Amino acid sequence: MMDDRQFRLDTGLALYFCDSLISWQRGSNENTEGLSHQFLPKGKDISRNNEYELDAVADTLNNRPRKALDWKTPMEAFDNLLYLTR
């Protein structure tokens, strides 16, 4: 992020940038990539899939309960967060 310093000052949020090529620092990203390989094997040309097939994969992954979210789906956890901040 080009203006990360200003963003931190404006929001009071701490930012963390992962080191390149250090996969354990990007656990959620790596886990989601691994899950996606169940539907789209590594090296497969996804341009052969149509929009509806790719949307179905995204929907399946986005509605899958996560241990890190106390077995809620990402949408359920997001809805709970919004409810708590109202």
N, C-alpha and C. Protein backbone atom coordinates (compact mmCIF):
# COMPACT_ATOMS: atom_id res chain seq x y z
N MET A 1 0.84 -1.18 0.00
CA MET A 1 0.00 0.00 0.00
C MET A 1 0.88 1.24 0.00
N MET A 2 0.65 2.04 -0.98
CA MET A 2 1.51 3.21 -1.16
C MET A 2 1.39 4.19 0.01
N ASP A 3 0.19 4.41 0.52
CA ASP A 3 -0.01 5.38 1.58
C ASP A 3 -0.27 4.70 2.92
N ASP A 4 0.42 3.60 3.20
CA ASP A 4 0.15 2.85 4.43
C ASP A 4 0.41 3.68 5.68
N ARG A 5 1.40 4.52 5.66
CA ARG A 5 1.70 5.33 6.84
C ARG A 5 0.53 6.29 7.13
N GLN A 6 0.01 6.95 6.10
CA GLN A 6 -1.12 7.86 6.28
C GLN A 6 -2.37 7.09 6.69
N PHE A 7 -2.56 5.91 6.11
CA PHE A 7 -3.71 5.07 6.47
C PHE A 7 -3.67 4.73 7.96
N ARG A 8 -2.49 4.37 8.46
CA ARG A 8 -2.35 4.05 9.89
C ARG A 8 -2.67 5.27 10.76
N LEU A 9 -2.21 6.43 10.35
CA LEU A 9 -2.49 7.64 11.12
C LEU A 9 -3.98 7.98 11.10
N ASP A 10 -4.61 7.84 9.94
CA ASP A 10 -6.03 8.19 9.80
C ASP A 10 -6.96 7.23 10.54
N THR A 11 -6.60 5.96 10.57
CA THR A 11 -7.52 4.94 11.13
C THR A 11 -7.11 4.43 12.50
N GLY A 12 -5.84 4.56 12.86
CA GLY A 12 -5.36 4.00 14.11
C GLY A 12 -5.17 2.49 14.05
N LEU A 13 -5.24 1.94 12.85
CA LEU A 13 -5.07 0.49 12.68
C LEU A 13 -3.61 0.15 12.42
N ALA A 14 -3.18 -0.97 12.96
CA ALA A 14 -1.84 -1.47 12.67
C ALA A 14 -1.90 -2.28 11.38
N LEU A 15 -0.89 -2.16 10.57
CA LEU A 15 -0.81 -2.93 9.33
C LEU A 15 0.37 -3.89 9.40
N TYR A 16 0.19 -5.02 8.79
CA TYR A 16 1.26 -6.01 8.73
C TYR A 16 1.37 -6.50 7.30
N PHE A 17 2.55 -6.47 6.75
CA PHE A 17 2.79 -6.96 5.41
C PHE A 17 3.61 -8.24 5.52
N CYS A 18 3.13 -9.29 4.89
CA CYS A 18 3.83 -10.57 4.91
C CYS A 18 5.11 -10.47 4.10
N ASP A 19 6.09 -11.26 4.50
CA ASP A 19 7.30 -11.38 3.71
C ASP A 19 6.98 -12.21 2.47
N SER A 20 7.52 -11.81 1.35
CA SER A 20 7.25 -12.57 0.13
C SER A 20 7.84 -13.98 0.27
N LEU A 21 7.14 -14.93 -0.28
CA LEU A 21 7.54 -16.34 -0.32
C LEU A 21 7.55 -17.03 1.05
N ILE A 22 6.92 -16.43 2.06
CA ILE A 22 6.82 -17.04 3.39
C ILE A 22 5.36 -17.43 3.59
N SER A 23 5.00 -18.63 3.15
CA SER A 23 3.59 -19.02 3.10
C SER A 23 2.93 -19.10 4.47
N TRP A 24 3.68 -19.44 5.52
CA TRP A 24 3.05 -19.57 6.83
C TRP A 24 2.55 -18.24 7.37
N GLN A 25 3.00 -17.12 6.81
CA GLN A 25 2.52 -15.81 7.24
C GLN A 25 1.17 -15.47 6.59
N ARG A 26 0.76 -16.27 5.62
CA ARG A 26 -0.50 -16.03 4.91
C ARG A 26 -1.40 -17.24 5.06
N GLY A 27 -1.62 -17.66 6.28
CA GLY A 27 -2.33 -18.91 6.54
C GLY A 27 -3.71 -18.98 5.92
N SER A 28 -4.52 -17.95 6.08
CA SER A 28 -5.87 -17.97 5.53
C SER A 28 -5.84 -18.06 4.01
N ASN A 29 -4.94 -17.31 3.42
CA ASN A 29 -4.79 -17.34 1.96
C ASN A 29 -4.37 -18.72 1.49
N GLU A 30 -3.39 -19.31 2.15
CA GLU A 30 -2.90 -20.63 1.76
C GLU A 30 -3.97 -21.70 1.96
N ASN A 31 -4.73 -21.59 3.06
CA ASN A 31 -5.79 -22.56 3.32
C ASN A 31 -6.87 -22.48 2.25
N THR A 32 -7.29 -21.28 1.90
CA THR A 32 -8.32 -21.10 0.89
C THR A 32 -7.84 -21.60 -0.47
N GLU A 33 -6.60 -21.35 -0.77
CA GLU A 33 -6.05 -21.86 -2.04
C GLU A 33 -6.08 -23.38 -2.06
N GLY A 34 -5.72 -23.99 -0.94
CA GLY A 34 -5.76 -25.45 -0.86
C GLY A 34 -7.17 -25.99 -1.02
N LEU A 35 -8.16 -25.32 -0.40
CA LEU A 35 -9.55 -25.74 -0.55
C LEU A 35 -10.02 -25.61 -1.99
N SER A 36 -9.59 -24.55 -2.65
CA SER A 36 -10.02 -24.34 -4.04
C SER A 36 -9.50 -25.42 -4.96
N HIS A 37 -8.37 -26.04 -4.59
CA HIS A 37 -7.80 -27.09 -5.43
C HIS A 37 -8.66 -28.36 -5.42
N GLN A 38 -9.59 -28.47 -4.46
CA GLN A 38 -10.52 -29.59 -4.47
C GLN A 38 -11.44 -29.51 -5.69
N PHE A 39 -11.71 -28.29 -6.13
CA PHE A 39 -12.62 -28.07 -7.25
C PHE A 39 -11.90 -27.71 -8.53
N LEU A 40 -10.77 -27.05 -8.39
CA LEU A 40 -10.00 -26.58 -9.54
C LEU A 40 -8.55 -27.04 -9.35
N PRO A 41 -8.23 -28.24 -9.82
CA PRO A 41 -6.88 -28.78 -9.60
C PRO A 41 -5.78 -27.84 -10.09
N LYS A 42 -4.68 -27.84 -9.35
CA LYS A 42 -3.54 -27.00 -9.70
C LYS A 42 -3.12 -27.28 -11.14
N GLY A 43 -2.89 -26.24 -11.89
CA GLY A 43 -2.46 -26.37 -13.27
C GLY A 43 -3.61 -26.46 -14.26
N LYS A 44 -4.86 -26.55 -13.76
CA LYS A 44 -6.01 -26.64 -14.65
C LYS A 44 -6.29 -25.27 -15.26
N ASP A 45 -6.64 -25.26 -16.53
CA ASP A 45 -6.98 -24.03 -17.23
C ASP A 45 -8.42 -23.65 -16.88
N ILE A 46 -8.59 -22.68 -15.99
CA ILE A 46 -9.95 -22.34 -15.55
C ILE A 46 -10.73 -21.56 -16.60
N SER A 47 -10.06 -21.15 -17.68
CA SER A 47 -10.80 -20.46 -18.74
C SER A 47 -11.77 -21.41 -19.43
N ARG A 48 -11.61 -22.71 -19.18
CA ARG A 48 -12.55 -23.70 -19.75
C ARG A 48 -13.83 -23.80 -18.92
N ASN A 49 -13.83 -23.21 -17.72
CA ASN A 49 -15.03 -23.19 -16.88
C ASN A 49 -15.84 -21.94 -17.22
N ASN A 50 -17.17 -22.11 -17.18
CA ASN A 50 -17.99 -20.92 -17.41
C ASN A 50 -18.22 -20.17 -16.10
N GLU A 51 -18.83 -19.01 -16.21
CA GLU A 51 -19.05 -18.15 -15.05
C GLU A 51 -19.86 -18.85 -13.97
N TYR A 52 -20.86 -19.63 -14.36
CA TYR A 52 -21.72 -20.30 -13.39
C TYR A 52 -20.97 -21.38 -12.62
N GLU A 53 -20.07 -22.09 -13.28
CA GLU A 53 -19.27 -23.11 -12.60
C GLU A 53 -18.33 -22.46 -11.57
N LEU A 54 -17.70 -21.36 -11.97
CA LEU A 54 -16.79 -20.68 -11.05
C LEU A 54 -17.56 -20.04 -9.90
N ASP A 55 -18.74 -19.51 -10.18
CA ASP A 55 -19.58 -18.96 -9.10
C ASP A 55 -19.99 -20.05 -8.13
N ALA A 56 -20.26 -21.24 -8.63
CA ALA A 56 -20.65 -22.36 -7.75
C ALA A 56 -19.50 -22.74 -6.83
N VAL A 57 -18.28 -22.74 -7.34
CA VAL A 57 -17.10 -23.03 -6.51
C VAL A 57 -16.96 -21.95 -5.43
N ALA A 58 -17.06 -20.68 -5.84
CA ALA A 58 -16.95 -19.58 -4.88
C ALA A 58 -18.04 -19.67 -3.82
N ASP A 59 -19.26 -19.97 -4.23
CA ASP A 59 -20.38 -20.08 -3.29
C ASP A 59 -20.14 -21.22 -2.30
N THR A 60 -19.66 -22.36 -2.80
CA THR A 60 -19.38 -23.50 -1.93
C THR A 60 -18.32 -23.14 -0.90
N LEU A 61 -17.24 -22.51 -1.33
CA LEU A 61 -16.16 -22.14 -0.41
C LEU A 61 -16.60 -21.06 0.58
N ASN A 62 -17.37 -20.09 0.11
CA ASN A 62 -17.80 -19.00 0.98
C ASN A 62 -18.86 -19.40 1.97
N ASN A 63 -19.52 -20.52 1.73
CA ASN A 63 -20.56 -20.99 2.65
C ASN A 63 -20.11 -22.22 3.44
N ARG A 64 -18.83 -22.45 3.47
CA ARG A 64 -18.26 -23.57 4.21
C ARG A 64 -17.88 -23.10 5.62
N PRO A 65 -18.38 -23.75 6.66
CA PRO A 65 -18.02 -23.34 8.03
C PRO A 65 -16.50 -23.45 8.25
N ARG A 66 -15.96 -22.52 9.02
CA ARG A 66 -14.52 -22.46 9.29
C ARG A 66 -14.25 -22.65 10.78
N LYS A 67 -13.30 -23.50 11.09
CA LYS A 67 -12.90 -23.71 12.48
C LYS A 67 -12.47 -22.39 13.12
N ALA A 68 -11.72 -21.58 12.38
CA ALA A 68 -11.22 -20.30 12.88
C ALA A 68 -12.35 -19.32 13.20
N LEU A 69 -13.55 -19.59 12.68
CA LEU A 69 -14.71 -18.72 12.93
C LEU A 69 -15.72 -19.42 13.83
N ASP A 70 -15.23 -20.30 14.70
CA ASP A 70 -16.11 -21.07 15.60
C ASP A 70 -17.18 -21.83 14.81
N TRP A 71 -16.78 -22.37 13.70
CA TRP A 71 -17.63 -23.19 12.82
C TRP A 71 -18.80 -22.42 12.21
N LYS A 72 -18.61 -21.10 12.10
CA LYS A 72 -19.57 -20.28 11.36
C LYS A 72 -19.05 -20.15 9.93
N THR A 73 -19.94 -19.84 9.01
CA THR A 73 -19.50 -19.52 7.66
C THR A 73 -18.96 -18.09 7.69
N PRO A 74 -18.16 -17.70 6.70
CA PRO A 74 -17.68 -16.32 6.67
C PRO A 74 -18.83 -15.30 6.70
N MET A 75 -19.93 -15.58 6.01
CA MET A 75 -21.05 -14.66 6.00
C MET A 75 -21.70 -14.56 7.38
N GLU A 76 -21.84 -15.68 8.07
CA GLU A 76 -22.41 -15.65 9.42
C GLU A 76 -21.52 -14.84 10.37
N ALA A 77 -20.22 -15.03 10.28
CA ALA A 77 -19.29 -14.29 11.14
C ALA A 77 -19.35 -12.80 10.82
N PHE A 78 -19.44 -12.46 9.56
CA PHE A 78 -19.54 -11.06 9.14
C PHE A 78 -20.84 -10.44 9.65
N ASP A 79 -21.94 -11.18 9.49
CA ASP A 79 -23.23 -10.68 9.99
C ASP A 79 -23.19 -10.46 11.50
N ASN A 80 -22.58 -11.39 12.25
CA ASN A 80 -22.44 -11.22 13.70
C ASN A 80 -21.63 -9.98 14.04
N LEU A 81 -20.58 -9.75 13.31
CA LEU A 81 -19.74 -8.57 13.53
C LEU A 81 -20.55 -7.31 13.28
N LEU A 82 -21.30 -7.27 12.21
CA LEU A 82 -22.13 -6.08 11.91
C LEU A 82 -23.17 -5.86 13.00
N TYR A 83 -23.76 -6.95 13.49
CA TYR A 83 -24.77 -6.85 14.53
C TYR A 83 -24.17 -6.26 15.81
N LEU A 84 -22.96 -6.69 16.14
CA LEU A 84 -22.30 -6.22 17.37
C LEU A 84 -21.89 -4.75 17.28
N THR A 85 -21.67 -4.26 16.07
CA THR A 85 -21.21 -2.87 15.93
C THR A 85 -22.36 -1.89 15.74
N ARG A 86 -23.58 -2.36 15.74
CA ARG A 86 -24.74 -1.46 15.58
C ARG A 86 -25.08 -0.80 16.87
